[in-house]
Amino acid sequence: MYGNSRRNRLLKNTKSMVRDEEWKHLDVNEHWHKMKKIMMETAQHIWGMSKGPCRHKEAWWWNEEVAEAVSENKIKVQKMEQRKLKGGMDGV
């Protein structure tokens, strides 16, 4: 629902800008560029801009503790799946 209200504002703002009379004399390319500009500006106004790409491209948060927890979790999931399979085969 939260995304729909933003989407609706974007559409409403874009439609109001497109109703201008100055659009009638534009060719296809001019129309496309103007439409793109309006949508980009409206989206930026509603959602804002990101600060750019992530500065931490490597997994700086991944340490030995996290690796151990992930490994333990994988083992638990495998055991759970094996139990499910054995339980399913018993009923056959």
C-alpha atoms as a PDB file:
ATOM      1  CA  MET A   1       0.000   0.000   0.000  1.00  0.00           C
ATOM      2  CA  TYR A   2       2.873   2.366   0.835  1.00  0.00           C
ATOM      3  CA  GLY A   3       4.350   1.926  -2.626  1.00  0.00           C
ATOM      4  CA  ASN A   4       0.969   2.438  -4.308  1.00  0.00           C
ATOM      5  CA  SER A   5       0.464   5.879  -2.779  1.00  0.00           C
ATOM      6  CA  ARG A   6       3.875   6.990  -4.048  1.00  0.00           C
ATOM      7  CA  ARG A   7       3.147   5.478  -7.450  1.00  0.00           C
ATOM      8  CA  ASN A   8      -0.191   7.283  -7.587  1.00  0.00           C
ATOM      9  CA  ARG A   9       1.462  10.609  -6.733  1.00  0.00           C
ATOM     10  CA  LEU A  10       4.034  10.004  -9.465  1.00  0.00           C
ATOM     11  CA  LEU A  11       1.311   9.271 -12.021  1.00  0.00           C
ATOM     12  CA  LYS A  12      -0.806  12.252 -10.956  1.00  0.00           C
ATOM     13  CA  ASN A  13       2.135  14.648 -11.138  1.00  0.00           C
ATOM     14  CA  THR A  14       3.270  13.271 -14.494  1.00  0.00           C
ATOM     15  CA  LYS A  15      -0.243  13.455 -15.981  1.00  0.00           C
ATOM     16  CA  SER A  16      -0.679  17.059 -14.878  1.00  0.00           C
ATOM     17  CA  MET A  17       2.613  18.041 -16.518  1.00  0.00           C
ATOM     18  CA  VAL A  18       1.782  16.167 -19.752  1.00  0.00           C
ATOM     19  CA  ARG A  19      -1.495  18.042 -20.237  1.00  0.00           C
ATOM     20  CA  ASP A  20       0.445  21.165 -21.277  1.00  0.00           C
ATOM     21  CA  GLU A  21      -0.355  22.627 -24.690  1.00  0.00           C
ATOM     22  CA  GLU A  22       3.343  22.867 -25.605  1.00  0.00           C
ATOM     23  CA  TRP A  23       3.457  19.114 -26.225  1.00  0.00           C
ATOM     24  CA  LYS A  24       1.411  19.366 -29.425  1.00  0.00           C
ATOM     25  CA  HIS A  25       4.263  20.634 -31.597  1.00  0.00           C
ATOM     26  CA  LEU A  26       6.973  18.202 -30.390  1.00  0.00           C
ATOM     27  CA  ASP A  27       8.303  15.402 -32.553  1.00  0.00           C
ATOM     28  CA  VAL A  28       8.656  11.878 -31.176  1.00  0.00           C
ATOM     29  CA  ASN A  29      12.242  12.270 -29.904  1.00  0.00           C
ATOM     30  CA  GLU A  30      11.545  15.623 -28.222  1.00  0.00           C
ATOM     31  CA  HIS A  31       8.396  14.166 -26.703  1.00  0.00           C
ATOM     32  CA  TRP A  32      10.330  11.152 -25.384  1.00  0.00           C
ATOM     33  CA  HIS A  33      13.109  13.265 -23.825  1.00  0.00           C
ATOM     34  CA  LYS A  34      10.668  15.655 -22.214  1.00  0.00           C
ATOM     35  CA  MET A  35       8.574  12.789 -20.840  1.00  0.00           C
ATOM     36  CA  LYS A  36      11.671  11.066 -19.464  1.00  0.00           C
ATOM     37  CA  LYS A  37      12.803  14.288 -17.778  1.00  0.00           C
ATOM     38  CA  ILE A  38       9.395  14.809 -16.157  1.00  0.00           C
ATOM     39  CA  MET A  39       9.234  11.245 -14.851  1.00  0.00           C
ATOM     40  CA  MET A  40      12.805  11.325 -13.518  1.00  0.00           C
ATOM     41  CA  GLU A  41      12.265  14.666 -11.757  1.00  0.00           C
ATOM     42  CA  THR A  42       8.948  13.512 -10.291  1.00  0.00           C
ATOM     43  CA  ALA A  43      10.425  10.222  -9.079  1.00  0.00           C
ATOM     44  CA  GLN A  44      13.375  12.063  -7.535  1.00  0.00           C
ATOM     45  CA  HIS A  45      10.997  14.467  -5.805  1.00  0.00           C
ATOM     46  CA  ILE A  46       8.867  11.626  -4.375  1.00  0.00           C
ATOM     47  CA  TRP A  47      11.524   9.010  -3.564  1.00  0.00           C
ATOM     48  CA  GLY A  48      14.685  11.110  -3.323  1.00  0.00           C
ATOM     49  CA  MET A  49      18.164  10.229  -4.543  1.00  0.00           C
ATOM     50  CA  SER A  50      20.570   7.597  -3.337  1.00  0.00           C
ATOM     51  CA  LYS A  51      23.990   8.652  -2.187  1.00  0.00           C
ATOM     52  CA  GLY A  52      25.667   6.580  -4.866  1.00  0.00           C
ATOM     53  CA  PRO A  53      27.180   3.117  -4.987  1.00  0.00           C
ATOM     54  CA  CYS A  54      28.009   1.137  -1.884  1.00  0.00           C
ATOM     55  CA  ARG A  55      31.400   2.066  -0.500  1.00  0.00           C
ATOM     56  CA  HIS A  56      31.967  -1.415   0.955  1.00  0.00           C
ATOM     57  CA  LYS A  57      32.092  -3.785  -1.977  1.00  0.00           C
ATOM     58  CA  GLU A  58      33.769  -6.564  -0.038  1.00  0.00           C
ATOM     59  CA  ALA A  59      32.019  -8.482   2.685  1.00  0.00           C
ATOM     60  CA  TRP A  60      33.657  -6.520   5.512  1.00  0.00           C
ATOM     61  CA  TRP A  61      31.044  -7.759   7.996  1.00  0.00           C
ATOM     62  CA  TRP A  62      31.775 -11.435   7.270  1.00  0.00           C
ATOM     63  CA  ASN A  63      34.011 -12.756  10.013  1.00  0.00           C
ATOM     64  CA  GLU A  64      34.768 -16.110  11.610  1.00  0.00           C
ATOM     65  CA  GLU A  65      31.760 -15.874  13.939  1.00  0.00           C
ATOM     66  CA  VAL A  66      29.359 -15.287  11.046  1.00  0.00           C
ATOM     67  CA  ALA A  67      30.938 -18.082   8.981  1.00  0.00           C
ATOM     68  CA  GLU A  68      30.550 -20.502  11.898  1.00  0.00           C
ATOM     69  CA  ALA A  69      26.903 -19.534  12.448  1.00  0.00           C
ATOM     70  CA  VAL A  70      26.109 -20.006   8.753  1.00  0.00           C
ATOM     71  CA  SER A  71      27.826 -23.381   8.726  1.00  0.00           C
ATOM     72  CA  GLU A  72      25.887 -24.540  11.798  1.00  0.00           C
ATOM     73  CA  ASN A  73      22.640 -23.352  10.248  1.00  0.00           C
ATOM     74  CA  LYS A  74      23.333 -25.251   7.011  1.00  0.00           C
ATOM     75  CA  ILE A  75      23.938 -28.438   8.993  1.00  0.00           C
ATOM     76  CA  LYS A  76      20.678 -27.951  10.912  1.00  0.00           C
ATOM     77  CA  VAL A  77      18.720 -27.382   7.701  1.00  0.00           C
ATOM     78  CA  GLN A  78      20.225 -30.504   6.100  1.00  0.00           C
ATOM     79  CA  LYS A  79      19.300 -32.600   9.146  1.00  0.00           C
ATOM     80  CA  MET A  80      15.765 -31.183   9.124  1.00  0.00           C
ATOM     81  CA  GLU A  81      15.348 -32.001   5.426  1.00  0.00           C
ATOM     82  CA  GLN A  82      16.632 -35.546   5.993  1.00  0.00           C
ATOM     83  CA  ARG A  83      14.129 -36.018   8.834  1.00  0.00           C
ATOM     84  CA  LYS A  84      11.320 -34.791   6.569  1.00  0.00           C
ATOM     85  CA  LEU A  85      12.332 -37.245   3.848  1.00  0.00           C
ATOM     86  CA  LYS A  86      12.526 -40.160   6.276  1.00  0.00           C
ATOM     87  CA  GLY A  87       9.171 -39.234   7.779  1.00  0.00           C
ATOM     88  CA  GLY A  88       7.597 -39.031   4.342  1.00  0.00           C
ATOM     89  CA  MET A  89       8.957 -42.414   3.299  1.00  0.00           C
ATOM     90  CA  ASP A  90       7.632 -44.132   6.434  1.00  0.00           C
ATOM     91  CA  GLY A  91       4.101 -43.173   5.496  1.00  0.00           C
ATOM     92  CA  VAL A  92       4.353 -44.784   2.036  1.00  0.00           C
END
